[in-house]
Amino acid sequence: MESLKLAFVDSKTYVTDMDEMKVKIEDLLSETYADKRRELITDKAIIPTYGDPYSPGTVYLCTSDKEGNMVSYIQSNYTEFGSGLVVPNTGIAIHNRGNNFSLDKNHVNVVKPFKKPYHTIIPGFICKSNEFVGAFGVMGAFMQPQGHLQVITNLIDFNLNPQESLDAPRWQWIGENLIEVEEDMPLDIVKGLMEKGHKIKIVKDFTSMGKG
């Protein structure tokens, strides 16, 4: 029953005349996407919501050795498969961060030859007294700088360890007065934010809240 529900909400969202499909059938039927949807099935009935068969590609990793050498690395194709262009004979897909350019000639981020677009790719390091303490990073489009702030606040101000900092419930400003919060955000905090005039949306899918 649960798997059928999930499949149905996907099909009602994405399936139409083949010439008008916005997603690839192969993406909807891929084993990777099926595994992702299967994770939602437990011993409790759920209210199904459609998934995202695309895998916008941003991956962050960091490492260090006993000598204190550190690597903070992020790779991103941005949305879907990036630009859809692949460097011949390499399999390397080119990103589409140019999507964030503006076509308004008066905008500071107006598109222009050889100009870099505004983006949120931020592999980071934490320093103390001008010494490197560690490497860190957060994924998730425009959640990245917001997630960075929350991770740093948890580590430094609240003295959480890295795992606790990543596990802590996150929030994300979407626009105007709309704030999304993860569903494990304490209810008294949610109510307090609403009383201050924030429009709060509780999200169950943490993907958009950025990994780390």
N, C-alpha and C. Protein backbone atom coordinates (compact mmCIF):
# COMPACT_ATOMS: atom_id res chain seq x y z
N MET A 1 0.82 -1.21 0.00
CA MET A 1 0.00 0.00 0.00
C MET A 1 0.86 1.26 0.00
N GLU A 2 1.88 1.26 0.87
CA GLU A 2 2.71 2.45 1.00
C GLU A 2 3.51 2.72 -0.28
N SER A 3 4.05 1.67 -0.88
CA SER A 3 4.83 1.86 -2.11
C SER A 3 3.94 2.32 -3.26
N LEU A 4 2.73 1.81 -3.29
CA LEU A 4 1.79 2.23 -4.34
C LEU A 4 1.44 3.70 -4.16
N LYS A 5 1.21 4.14 -2.93
CA LYS A 5 0.89 5.54 -2.66
C LYS A 5 2.01 6.46 -3.16
N LEU A 6 3.26 6.07 -2.84
CA LEU A 6 4.39 6.89 -3.26
C LEU A 6 4.52 6.95 -4.78
N ALA A 7 4.31 5.79 -5.41
CA ALA A 7 4.40 5.74 -6.87
C ALA A 7 3.30 6.58 -7.51
N PHE A 8 2.11 6.56 -6.92
CA PHE A 8 0.98 7.28 -7.49
C PHE A 8 1.16 8.79 -7.41
N VAL A 9 1.63 9.29 -6.27
CA VAL A 9 1.81 10.75 -6.18
C VAL A 9 2.90 11.22 -7.14
N ASP A 10 3.92 10.37 -7.37
CA ASP A 10 4.94 10.72 -8.36
C ASP A 10 4.34 10.76 -9.76
N SER A 11 3.57 9.73 -10.10
CA SER A 11 3.02 9.66 -11.45
C SER A 11 2.03 10.80 -11.72
N LYS A 12 1.23 11.15 -10.69
CA LYS A 12 0.27 12.24 -10.86
C LYS A 12 0.97 13.59 -10.98
N THR A 13 2.19 13.67 -10.49
CA THR A 13 2.94 14.92 -10.56
C THR A 13 3.73 15.05 -11.85
N TYR A 14 4.31 13.93 -12.33
CA TYR A 14 5.26 14.01 -13.43
C TYR A 14 4.81 13.41 -14.75
N VAL A 15 3.88 12.45 -14.72
CA VAL A 15 3.56 11.71 -15.94
C VAL A 15 2.52 12.45 -16.78
N THR A 16 2.83 12.61 -18.07
CA THR A 16 1.92 13.22 -19.02
C THR A 16 2.29 12.70 -20.40
N ASP A 17 1.80 13.36 -21.44
CA ASP A 17 2.19 13.01 -22.81
C ASP A 17 3.72 12.95 -22.87
N MET A 18 4.26 11.91 -23.47
CA MET A 18 5.71 11.71 -23.47
C MET A 18 6.46 12.91 -24.05
N ASP A 19 5.84 13.59 -25.02
CA ASP A 19 6.50 14.75 -25.64
C ASP A 19 6.52 15.96 -24.71
N GLU A 20 5.73 15.90 -23.63
CA GLU A 20 5.62 17.03 -22.70
C GLU A 20 6.22 16.73 -21.33
N MET A 21 6.81 15.55 -21.17
CA MET A 21 7.38 15.16 -19.88
C MET A 21 8.52 16.09 -19.48
N LYS A 22 8.50 16.54 -18.23
CA LYS A 22 9.56 17.41 -17.72
C LYS A 22 10.68 16.62 -17.05
N VAL A 23 10.44 15.35 -16.77
CA VAL A 23 11.47 14.50 -16.20
C VAL A 23 11.65 13.28 -17.09
N LYS A 24 12.79 12.65 -16.97
CA LYS A 24 13.06 11.46 -17.77
C LYS A 24 12.43 10.24 -17.12
N ILE A 25 11.85 9.38 -17.95
CA ILE A 25 11.26 8.14 -17.44
C ILE A 25 12.34 7.32 -16.73
N GLU A 26 13.56 7.33 -17.29
CA GLU A 26 14.65 6.57 -16.70
C GLU A 26 14.95 7.04 -15.27
N ASP A 27 14.78 8.34 -15.03
CA ASP A 27 15.03 8.87 -13.69
C ASP A 27 13.96 8.40 -12.71
N LEU A 28 12.71 8.38 -13.17
CA LEU A 28 11.62 7.93 -12.31
C LEU A 28 11.74 6.44 -11.97
N LEU A 29 12.28 5.67 -12.91
CA LEU A 29 12.36 4.22 -12.74
C LEU A 29 13.73 3.74 -12.26
N SER A 30 14.64 4.65 -11.98
CA SER A 30 15.98 4.23 -11.60
C SER A 30 15.99 3.56 -10.22
N GLU A 31 16.89 2.64 -10.03
CA GLU A 31 17.00 1.94 -8.75
C GLU A 31 17.43 2.90 -7.64
N THR A 32 18.27 3.87 -7.99
CA THR A 32 18.72 4.84 -6.99
C THR A 32 17.54 5.64 -6.44
N TYR A 33 16.67 6.09 -7.34
CA TYR A 33 15.50 6.85 -6.90
C TYR A 33 14.54 5.96 -6.12
N ALA A 34 14.39 4.71 -6.56
CA ALA A 34 13.52 3.76 -5.85
C ALA A 34 14.02 3.54 -4.42
N ASP A 35 15.35 3.44 -4.26
CA ASP A 35 15.92 3.27 -2.93
C ASP A 35 15.60 4.47 -2.04
N LYS A 36 15.69 5.66 -2.65
CA LYS A 36 15.41 6.89 -1.91
C LYS A 36 13.96 6.93 -1.44
N ARG A 37 13.03 6.51 -2.30
CA ARG A 37 11.61 6.52 -1.96
C ARG A 37 11.29 5.42 -0.94
N ARG A 38 11.99 4.28 -1.07
CA ARG A 38 11.75 3.15 -0.18
C ARG A 38 12.07 3.50 1.27
N GLU A 39 13.01 4.41 1.47
CA GLU A 39 13.40 4.81 2.82
C GLU A 39 12.25 5.46 3.58
N LEU A 40 11.24 5.95 2.86
CA LEU A 40 10.10 6.61 3.50
C LEU A 40 9.10 5.61 4.09
N ILE A 41 9.23 4.35 3.70
CA ILE A 41 8.26 3.34 4.14
C ILE A 41 8.67 2.75 5.48
N THR A 42 7.77 2.87 6.46
CA THR A 42 8.00 2.31 7.79
C THR A 42 6.79 1.45 8.16
N ASP A 43 6.63 1.20 9.46
CA ASP A 43 5.48 0.41 9.89
C ASP A 43 4.26 1.30 10.18
N LYS A 44 4.37 2.59 9.81
CA LYS A 44 3.26 3.51 10.00
C LYS A 44 2.80 4.05 8.64
N ALA A 45 1.49 4.22 8.50
CA ALA A 45 0.95 4.80 7.26
C ALA A 45 1.38 6.26 7.16
N ILE A 46 1.77 6.68 5.96
CA ILE A 46 2.18 8.07 5.76
C ILE A 46 1.23 8.77 4.79
N ILE A 47 1.24 10.09 4.84
CA ILE A 47 0.57 10.88 3.81
C ILE A 47 1.63 11.13 2.75
N PRO A 48 1.50 10.56 1.57
CA PRO A 48 2.58 10.60 0.59
C PRO A 48 2.71 11.98 -0.08
N THR A 49 3.93 12.37 -0.34
CA THR A 49 4.22 13.56 -1.13
C THR A 49 5.16 13.15 -2.25
N TYR A 50 5.06 13.85 -3.37
CA TYR A 50 5.89 13.47 -4.52
C TYR A 50 7.36 13.73 -4.22
N GLY A 51 8.21 12.96 -4.86
CA GLY A 51 9.64 13.07 -4.64
C GLY A 51 10.32 13.87 -5.72
N ASP A 52 11.64 13.86 -5.69
CA ASP A 52 12.45 14.54 -6.68
C ASP A 52 13.37 13.53 -7.34
N PRO A 53 13.01 13.08 -8.55
CA PRO A 53 13.82 12.05 -9.21
C PRO A 53 15.18 12.55 -9.68
N TYR A 54 15.34 13.87 -9.73
CA TYR A 54 16.64 14.41 -10.08
C TYR A 54 17.56 14.31 -8.89
N SER A 55 18.85 14.39 -9.13
CA SER A 55 19.82 14.42 -8.05
C SER A 55 20.75 15.61 -8.28
N PRO A 56 20.28 16.81 -7.91
CA PRO A 56 21.14 17.98 -8.07
C PRO A 56 22.46 17.72 -7.40
N GLY A 57 23.56 17.88 -8.13
CA GLY A 57 24.82 17.31 -7.67
C GLY A 57 25.74 18.26 -6.94
N THR A 58 25.63 18.34 -5.63
CA THR A 58 26.64 19.03 -4.83
C THR A 58 27.12 18.05 -3.77
N VAL A 59 28.43 17.85 -3.73
CA VAL A 59 29.02 16.95 -2.76
C VAL A 59 30.15 17.67 -2.04
N TYR A 60 30.11 17.63 -0.71
CA TYR A 60 31.18 18.23 0.08
C TYR A 60 31.93 17.14 0.83
N LEU A 61 33.25 17.29 0.92
CA LEU A 61 34.03 16.38 1.74
C LEU A 61 35.21 17.13 2.35
N CYS A 62 35.66 16.64 3.48
CA CYS A 62 36.84 17.22 4.10
C CYS A 62 37.65 16.11 4.75
N THR A 63 38.92 16.37 4.93
CA THR A 63 39.80 15.38 5.54
C THR A 63 41.02 16.09 6.12
N SER A 64 41.73 15.41 6.98
CA SER A 64 42.97 15.96 7.53
C SER A 64 43.89 14.82 7.92
N ASP A 65 45.15 15.12 8.15
CA ASP A 65 46.08 14.09 8.61
C ASP A 65 46.72 14.52 9.93
N LYS A 66 47.56 13.66 10.49
CA LYS A 66 48.11 13.91 11.82
C LYS A 66 49.08 15.10 11.83
N GLU A 67 49.58 15.51 10.65
CA GLU A 67 50.46 16.67 10.59
C GLU A 67 49.68 17.98 10.56
N GLY A 68 48.33 17.87 10.46
CA GLY A 68 47.52 19.09 10.43
C GLY A 68 47.21 19.61 9.06
N ASN A 69 47.58 18.85 8.02
CA ASN A 69 47.18 19.24 6.67
C ASN A 69 45.69 18.97 6.52
N MET A 70 44.97 19.90 5.91
CA MET A 70 43.52 19.77 5.79
C MET A 70 43.06 20.06 4.37
N VAL A 71 41.99 19.40 3.98
CA VAL A 71 41.35 19.64 2.69
C VAL A 71 39.88 19.94 2.93
N SER A 72 39.40 21.04 2.37
CA SER A 72 37.98 21.38 2.40
C SER A 72 37.55 21.50 0.94
N TYR A 73 36.71 20.57 0.49
CA TYR A 73 36.47 20.42 -0.96
C TYR A 73 34.97 20.31 -1.25
N ILE A 74 34.54 21.05 -2.25
CA ILE A 74 33.14 20.95 -2.66
C ILE A 74 33.06 20.88 -4.19
N GLN A 75 32.17 20.03 -4.67
CA GLN A 75 31.97 19.87 -6.11
C GLN A 75 30.49 20.00 -6.38
N SER A 76 30.13 20.80 -7.39
CA SER A 76 28.71 21.02 -7.64
C SER A 76 28.42 21.20 -9.12
N ASN A 77 27.43 20.45 -9.61
CA ASN A 77 26.90 20.69 -10.95
C ASN A 77 25.71 21.65 -10.90
N TYR A 78 25.25 21.96 -9.71
CA TYR A 78 24.09 22.79 -9.41
C TYR A 78 22.82 22.02 -9.72
N THR A 79 21.90 22.51 -10.56
CA THR A 79 20.60 21.86 -10.73
C THR A 79 20.66 20.73 -11.75
N GLU A 80 19.87 19.69 -11.46
CA GLU A 80 19.79 18.53 -12.33
C GLU A 80 21.18 18.06 -12.74
N PHE A 81 21.47 18.03 -14.05
CA PHE A 81 22.78 17.58 -14.53
C PHE A 81 23.64 18.77 -14.91
N GLY A 82 23.49 19.86 -14.19
CA GLY A 82 24.27 21.04 -14.51
C GLY A 82 23.81 21.64 -15.83
N SER A 83 24.77 22.04 -16.66
CA SER A 83 24.45 22.69 -17.93
C SER A 83 23.92 21.72 -18.97
N GLY A 84 24.11 20.42 -18.72
CA GLY A 84 23.75 19.44 -19.74
C GLY A 84 24.84 19.26 -20.78
N LEU A 85 25.93 20.02 -20.63
CA LEU A 85 27.07 19.92 -21.56
C LEU A 85 28.18 19.09 -20.91
N VAL A 86 28.76 18.21 -21.67
CA VAL A 86 29.82 17.35 -21.16
C VAL A 86 31.09 17.59 -21.96
N VAL A 87 32.22 17.72 -21.28
CA VAL A 87 33.50 17.88 -21.96
C VAL A 87 33.76 16.61 -22.78
N PRO A 88 33.94 16.72 -24.11
CA PRO A 88 34.10 15.54 -24.96
C PRO A 88 35.17 14.58 -24.44
N ASN A 89 34.81 13.30 -24.47
CA ASN A 89 35.73 12.21 -24.13
C ASN A 89 36.18 12.20 -22.67
N THR A 90 35.45 12.90 -21.79
CA THR A 90 35.84 12.92 -20.39
C THR A 90 34.74 12.44 -19.45
N GLY A 91 33.48 12.64 -19.81
CA GLY A 91 32.38 12.33 -18.90
C GLY A 91 32.17 13.40 -17.85
N ILE A 92 32.90 14.51 -17.94
CA ILE A 92 32.78 15.60 -16.97
C ILE A 92 31.68 16.56 -17.41
N ALA A 93 30.63 16.67 -16.59
CA ALA A 93 29.52 17.58 -16.89
C ALA A 93 29.84 18.97 -16.35
N ILE A 94 29.54 19.99 -17.16
CA ILE A 94 29.81 21.38 -16.78
C ILE A 94 28.62 21.92 -15.97
N HIS A 95 28.92 22.69 -14.95
CA HIS A 95 27.87 23.21 -14.06
C HIS A 95 27.03 24.29 -14.75
N ASN A 96 25.92 24.64 -14.10
CA ASN A 96 25.07 25.72 -14.64
C ASN A 96 24.82 26.79 -13.59
N ARG A 97 25.88 27.17 -12.87
CA ARG A 97 25.75 28.24 -11.89
C ARG A 97 25.40 29.57 -12.56
N GLY A 98 25.61 29.66 -13.88
CA GLY A 98 25.21 30.86 -14.60
C GLY A 98 23.71 31.11 -14.51
N ASN A 99 22.97 30.11 -14.05
CA ASN A 99 21.54 30.25 -13.83
C ASN A 99 21.22 31.39 -12.86
N ASN A 100 22.21 31.74 -12.03
CA ASN A 100 22.00 32.79 -11.04
C ASN A 100 22.31 34.19 -11.55
N PHE A 101 22.71 34.31 -12.82
CA PHE A 101 22.88 35.63 -13.41
C PHE A 101 21.52 36.30 -13.58
N SER A 102 21.52 37.63 -13.68
CA SER A 102 20.31 38.39 -13.95
C SER A 102 20.36 38.93 -15.38
N LEU A 103 19.20 39.04 -16.02
CA LEU A 103 19.12 39.65 -17.35
C LEU A 103 18.75 41.13 -17.25
N ASP A 104 18.60 41.63 -16.01
CA ASP A 104 18.33 43.04 -15.79
C ASP A 104 19.65 43.80 -15.89
N LYS A 105 19.77 44.68 -16.88
CA LYS A 105 21.05 45.36 -17.13
C LYS A 105 21.47 46.26 -15.98
N ASN A 106 20.54 46.61 -15.09
CA ASN A 106 20.87 47.45 -13.95
C ASN A 106 21.19 46.65 -12.69
N HIS A 107 21.10 45.34 -12.81
CA HIS A 107 21.36 44.47 -11.64
C HIS A 107 22.85 44.24 -11.48
N VAL A 108 23.33 44.21 -10.24
CA VAL A 108 24.76 44.01 -9.99
C VAL A 108 25.24 42.67 -10.52
N ASN A 109 24.35 41.69 -10.62
CA ASN A 109 24.72 40.35 -11.07
C ASN A 109 24.28 40.10 -12.51
N VAL A 110 24.20 41.17 -13.32
CA VAL A 110 23.79 41.02 -14.71
C VAL A 110 24.81 40.16 -15.46
N VAL A 111 24.33 39.34 -16.38
CA VAL A 111 25.22 38.46 -17.13
C VAL A 111 26.15 39.27 -18.02
N LYS A 112 27.40 38.84 -18.09
CA LYS A 112 28.42 39.59 -18.82
C LYS A 112 29.55 38.63 -19.17
N PRO A 113 30.18 38.78 -20.35
CA PRO A 113 31.28 37.87 -20.72
C PRO A 113 32.39 37.85 -19.67
N PHE A 114 32.88 36.65 -19.38
CA PHE A 114 34.00 36.40 -18.47
C PHE A 114 33.69 36.77 -17.02
N LYS A 115 32.43 37.02 -16.71
CA LYS A 115 32.03 37.38 -15.35
C LYS A 115 31.58 36.13 -14.60
N LYS A 116 31.94 36.02 -13.34
CA LYS A 116 31.51 34.89 -12.53
C LYS A 116 30.16 35.21 -11.89
N PRO A 117 29.24 34.25 -11.86
CA PRO A 117 27.92 34.50 -11.26
C PRO A 117 27.98 34.44 -9.74
N TYR A 118 27.02 35.09 -9.11
CA TYR A 118 26.83 34.93 -7.66
C TYR A 118 26.48 33.48 -7.39
N HIS A 119 27.15 32.86 -6.43
CA HIS A 119 26.82 31.48 -6.07
C HIS A 119 27.17 31.25 -4.61
N THR A 120 26.86 30.07 -4.12
CA THR A 120 27.03 29.78 -2.69
C THR A 120 27.94 28.59 -2.44
N ILE A 121 28.94 28.41 -3.29
CA ILE A 121 29.90 27.33 -3.09
C ILE A 121 30.93 27.79 -2.06
N ILE A 122 30.90 27.19 -0.85
CA ILE A 122 31.71 27.71 0.25
C ILE A 122 32.40 26.59 1.02
N PRO A 123 33.46 25.99 0.49
CA PRO A 123 34.23 25.08 1.34
C PRO A 123 34.96 25.91 2.40
N GLY A 124 34.82 25.55 3.67
CA GLY A 124 35.32 26.44 4.72
C GLY A 124 36.33 25.81 5.66
N PHE A 125 37.00 26.70 6.40
CA PHE A 125 37.90 26.31 7.49
C PHE A 125 37.53 27.12 8.73
N ILE A 126 37.67 26.52 9.89
CA ILE A 126 37.50 27.23 11.15
C ILE A 126 38.89 27.51 11.72
N CYS A 127 39.09 28.76 12.12
CA CYS A 127 40.37 29.16 12.70
C CYS A 127 40.18 29.67 14.11
N LYS A 128 41.22 29.55 14.93
CA LYS A 128 41.25 30.12 16.27
C LYS A 128 42.65 30.66 16.52
N SER A 129 42.74 31.94 16.84
CA SER A 129 44.04 32.61 17.05
C SER A 129 44.94 32.42 15.83
N ASN A 130 44.33 32.59 14.64
CA ASN A 130 45.06 32.48 13.37
C ASN A 130 45.62 31.09 13.08
N GLU A 131 45.12 30.09 13.79
CA GLU A 131 45.53 28.71 13.55
C GLU A 131 44.32 27.93 13.06
N PHE A 132 44.54 27.07 12.07
CA PHE A 132 43.44 26.25 11.56
C PHE A 132 43.03 25.21 12.59
N VAL A 133 41.73 25.12 12.84
CA VAL A 133 41.19 24.15 13.78
C VAL A 133 40.58 22.97 13.03
N GLY A 134 39.89 23.26 11.93
CA GLY A 134 39.26 22.17 11.17
C GLY A 134 38.63 22.66 9.90
N ALA A 135 38.30 21.72 9.05
CA ALA A 135 37.62 22.02 7.79
C ALA A 135 36.14 21.65 7.94
N PHE A 136 35.28 22.40 7.27
CA PHE A 136 33.85 22.08 7.34
C PHE A 136 33.14 22.64 6.13
N GLY A 137 31.94 22.14 5.88
CA GLY A 137 31.14 22.65 4.77
C GLY A 137 29.72 22.13 4.84
N VAL A 138 28.83 22.83 4.16
CA VAL A 138 27.42 22.46 4.11
C VAL A 138 26.97 22.51 2.66
N MET A 139 26.11 21.57 2.27
CA MET A 139 25.58 21.53 0.91
C MET A 139 24.15 22.04 0.90
N GLY A 140 23.64 22.37 -0.29
CA GLY A 140 22.23 22.72 -0.39
C GLY A 140 21.91 24.10 -0.94
N ALA A 141 22.46 24.44 -2.13
CA ALA A 141 22.10 25.68 -2.83
C ALA A 141 22.18 26.87 -1.88
N PHE A 142 21.08 27.65 -1.78
CA PHE A 142 21.12 28.86 -0.97
C PHE A 142 20.98 28.58 0.52
N MET A 143 20.88 27.30 0.87
CA MET A 143 20.95 26.92 2.28
C MET A 143 22.41 26.94 2.75
N GLN A 144 23.35 26.89 1.82
CA GLN A 144 24.76 26.74 2.20
C GLN A 144 25.24 27.81 3.18
N PRO A 145 25.14 29.10 2.86
CA PRO A 145 25.61 30.09 3.83
C PRO A 145 24.80 30.08 5.11
N GLN A 146 23.50 29.76 5.01
CA GLN A 146 22.65 29.70 6.19
C GLN A 146 23.05 28.52 7.07
N GLY A 147 23.35 27.39 6.43
CA GLY A 147 23.79 26.21 7.16
C GLY A 147 25.16 26.42 7.79
N HIS A 148 26.06 27.12 7.08
CA HIS A 148 27.37 27.44 7.63
C HIS A 148 27.24 28.19 8.94
N LEU A 149 26.40 29.21 8.92
CA LEU A 149 26.20 30.03 10.12
C LEU A 149 25.69 29.18 11.28
N GLN A 150 24.74 28.29 11.00
CA GLN A 150 24.16 27.48 12.06
C GLN A 150 25.14 26.44 12.59
N VAL A 151 25.95 25.86 11.69
CA VAL A 151 26.96 24.89 12.13
C VAL A 151 28.00 25.58 13.02
N ILE A 152 28.49 26.75 12.57
CA ILE A 152 29.50 27.47 13.35
C ILE A 152 28.94 27.89 14.71
N THR A 153 27.70 28.38 14.73
CA THR A 153 27.07 28.79 15.99
C THR A 153 26.97 27.60 16.95
N ASN A 154 26.57 26.45 16.41
CA ASN A 154 26.45 25.26 17.26
C ASN A 154 27.82 24.82 17.81
N LEU A 155 28.84 24.88 16.96
CA LEU A 155 30.17 24.43 17.37
C LEU A 155 30.79 25.37 18.40
N ILE A 156 30.73 26.67 18.12
CA ILE A 156 31.47 27.65 18.94
C ILE A 156 30.63 28.18 20.10
N ASP A 157 29.43 28.67 19.80
CA ASP A 157 28.63 29.30 20.84
C ASP A 157 27.97 28.29 21.78
N PHE A 158 27.57 27.14 21.23
CA PHE A 158 26.88 26.14 22.06
C PHE A 158 27.76 24.94 22.41
N ASN A 159 29.03 24.97 21.92
CA ASN A 159 30.02 23.96 22.30
C ASN A 159 29.57 22.54 21.98
N LEU A 160 28.86 22.37 20.86
CA LEU A 160 28.46 21.04 20.44
C LEU A 160 29.61 20.40 19.66
N ASN A 161 29.67 19.06 19.68
CA ASN A 161 30.68 18.40 18.84
C ASN A 161 30.17 18.38 17.40
N PRO A 162 31.03 18.06 16.42
CA PRO A 162 30.61 18.14 15.01
C PRO A 162 29.34 17.35 14.69
N GLN A 163 29.19 16.15 15.25
CA GLN A 163 28.00 15.35 14.94
C GLN A 163 26.75 16.00 15.53
N GLU A 164 26.85 16.48 16.76
CA GLU A 164 25.71 17.15 17.39
C GLU A 164 25.32 18.40 16.60
N SER A 165 26.33 19.10 16.12
CA SER A 165 26.08 20.33 15.37
C SER A 165 25.34 20.05 14.08
N LEU A 166 25.71 18.96 13.40
CA LEU A 166 25.04 18.58 12.15
C LEU A 166 23.65 18.02 12.41
N ASP A 167 23.46 17.39 13.54
CA ASP A 167 22.16 16.78 13.86
C ASP A 167 21.13 17.80 14.35
N ALA A 168 21.59 18.94 14.83
CA ALA A 168 20.68 19.93 15.40
C ALA A 168 19.68 20.41 14.35
N PRO A 169 18.41 20.62 14.73
CA PRO A 169 17.39 21.07 13.78
C PRO A 169 17.76 22.41 13.15
N ARG A 170 17.52 22.51 11.85
CA ARG A 170 17.91 23.71 11.11
C ARG A 170 16.70 24.51 10.65
N TRP A 171 16.96 25.74 10.29
CA TRP A 171 15.95 26.61 9.72
C TRP A 171 16.52 27.23 8.44
N GLN A 172 15.62 27.70 7.57
CA GLN A 172 16.07 28.31 6.32
C GLN A 172 15.13 29.44 5.92
N TRP A 173 15.69 30.62 5.69
CA TRP A 173 14.90 31.72 5.16
C TRP A 173 14.66 31.49 3.68
N ILE A 174 13.40 31.50 3.27
CA ILE A 174 13.02 31.23 1.88
C ILE A 174 12.78 32.52 1.11
N GLY A 175 12.18 33.49 1.76
CA GLY A 175 11.88 34.77 1.13
C GLY A 175 10.83 35.50 1.95
N GLU A 176 10.86 36.85 1.88
CA GLU A 176 9.95 37.68 2.65
C GLU A 176 9.97 37.24 4.12
N ASN A 177 8.83 36.84 4.69
CA ASN A 177 8.87 36.42 6.10
C ASN A 177 8.66 34.91 6.26
N LEU A 178 8.91 34.15 5.17
CA LEU A 178 8.74 32.70 5.21
C LEU A 178 10.02 32.01 5.67
N ILE A 179 9.90 31.25 6.74
CA ILE A 179 11.00 30.46 7.29
C ILE A 179 10.60 28.99 7.29
N GLU A 180 11.45 28.13 6.73
CA GLU A 180 11.22 26.69 6.85
C GLU A 180 12.04 26.16 8.02
N VAL A 181 11.44 25.26 8.79
CA VAL A 181 12.15 24.63 9.91
C VAL A 181 11.99 23.12 9.80
N GLU A 182 13.00 22.40 10.26
CA GLU A 182 12.90 20.95 10.28
C GLU A 182 11.89 20.52 11.33
N GLU A 183 11.26 19.36 11.11
CA GLU A 183 10.14 18.96 11.95
C GLU A 183 10.53 18.65 13.39
N ASP A 184 11.83 18.47 13.66
CA ASP A 184 12.22 18.23 15.05
C ASP A 184 12.60 19.52 15.77
N MET A 185 12.32 20.67 15.16
CA MET A 185 12.49 21.94 15.85
C MET A 185 11.49 21.98 17.01
N PRO A 186 11.94 22.30 18.24
CA PRO A 186 11.03 22.32 19.39
C PRO A 186 9.80 23.21 19.12
N LEU A 187 8.63 22.71 19.52
CA LEU A 187 7.37 23.39 19.24
C LEU A 187 7.30 24.78 19.87
N ASP A 188 7.90 24.95 21.05
CA ASP A 188 7.84 26.26 21.70
C ASP A 188 8.63 27.30 20.91
N ILE A 189 9.70 26.86 20.23
CA ILE A 189 10.46 27.77 19.37
C ILE A 189 9.63 28.14 18.14
N VAL A 190 8.97 27.14 17.54
CA VAL A 190 8.12 27.39 16.38
C VAL A 190 7.02 28.39 16.73
N LYS A 191 6.37 28.18 17.86
CA LYS A 191 5.30 29.09 18.28
C LYS A 191 5.85 30.48 18.55
N GLY A 192 7.02 30.55 19.17
CA GLY A 192 7.63 31.84 19.46
C GLY A 192 7.96 32.62 18.20
N LEU A 193 8.44 31.92 17.18
CA LEU A 193 8.75 32.57 15.91
C LEU A 193 7.48 33.10 15.24
N MET A 194 6.41 32.32 15.30
CA MET A 194 5.14 32.75 14.71
C MET A 194 4.60 33.99 15.42
N GLU A 195 4.76 34.03 16.73
CA GLU A 195 4.30 35.19 17.50
C GLU A 195 5.07 36.45 17.13
N LYS A 196 6.30 36.28 16.65
CA LYS A 196 7.11 37.42 16.25
C LYS A 196 6.85 37.85 14.81
N GLY A 197 5.90 37.17 14.13
CA GLY A 197 5.53 37.58 12.78
C GLY A 197 6.12 36.76 11.66
N HIS A 198 6.88 35.71 12.00
CA HIS A 198 7.42 34.83 10.96
C HIS A 198 6.33 33.89 10.46
N LYS A 199 6.34 33.61 9.18
CA LYS A 199 5.47 32.58 8.63
C LYS A 199 6.28 31.30 8.60
N ILE A 200 5.87 30.31 9.38
CA ILE A 200 6.67 29.10 9.56
C ILE A 200 6.09 27.93 8.77
N LYS A 201 6.97 27.26 8.04
CA LYS A 201 6.60 26.03 7.34
C LYS A 201 7.47 24.90 7.88
N ILE A 202 6.85 23.87 8.42
CA ILE A 202 7.58 22.72 8.95
C ILE A 202 7.79 21.71 7.82
N VAL A 203 9.05 21.33 7.57
CA VAL A 203 9.36 20.41 6.48
C VAL A 203 9.78 19.06 7.03
N LYS A 204 9.34 18.01 6.36
CA LYS A 204 9.70 16.64 6.75
C LYS A 204 10.89 16.13 5.98
N ASP A 205 11.07 16.62 4.74
CA ASP A 205 12.20 16.21 3.91
C ASP A 205 13.36 17.17 4.16
N PHE A 206 14.41 16.67 4.81
CA PHE A 206 15.51 17.53 5.21
C PHE A 206 16.52 17.80 4.07
N THR A 207 16.27 17.27 2.88
CA THR A 207 17.23 17.42 1.80
C THR A 207 17.58 18.88 1.54
N SER A 208 16.56 19.73 1.52
CA SER A 208 16.78 21.13 1.21
C SER A 208 17.47 21.90 2.33
N MET A 209 17.61 21.25 3.49
CA MET A 209 18.25 21.92 4.62
C MET A 209 19.76 21.76 4.62
N GLY A 210 20.31 21.11 3.62
CA GLY A 210 21.75 21.02 3.50
C GLY A 210 22.37 19.92 4.33
N LYS A 211 23.18 19.13 3.70
CA LYS A 211 23.94 18.11 4.43
C LYS A 211 25.23 18.74 4.93
N GLY A 212 26.13 17.93 5.46
CA GLY A 212 27.38 18.53 5.95
C GLY A 212 28.41 17.47 6.24
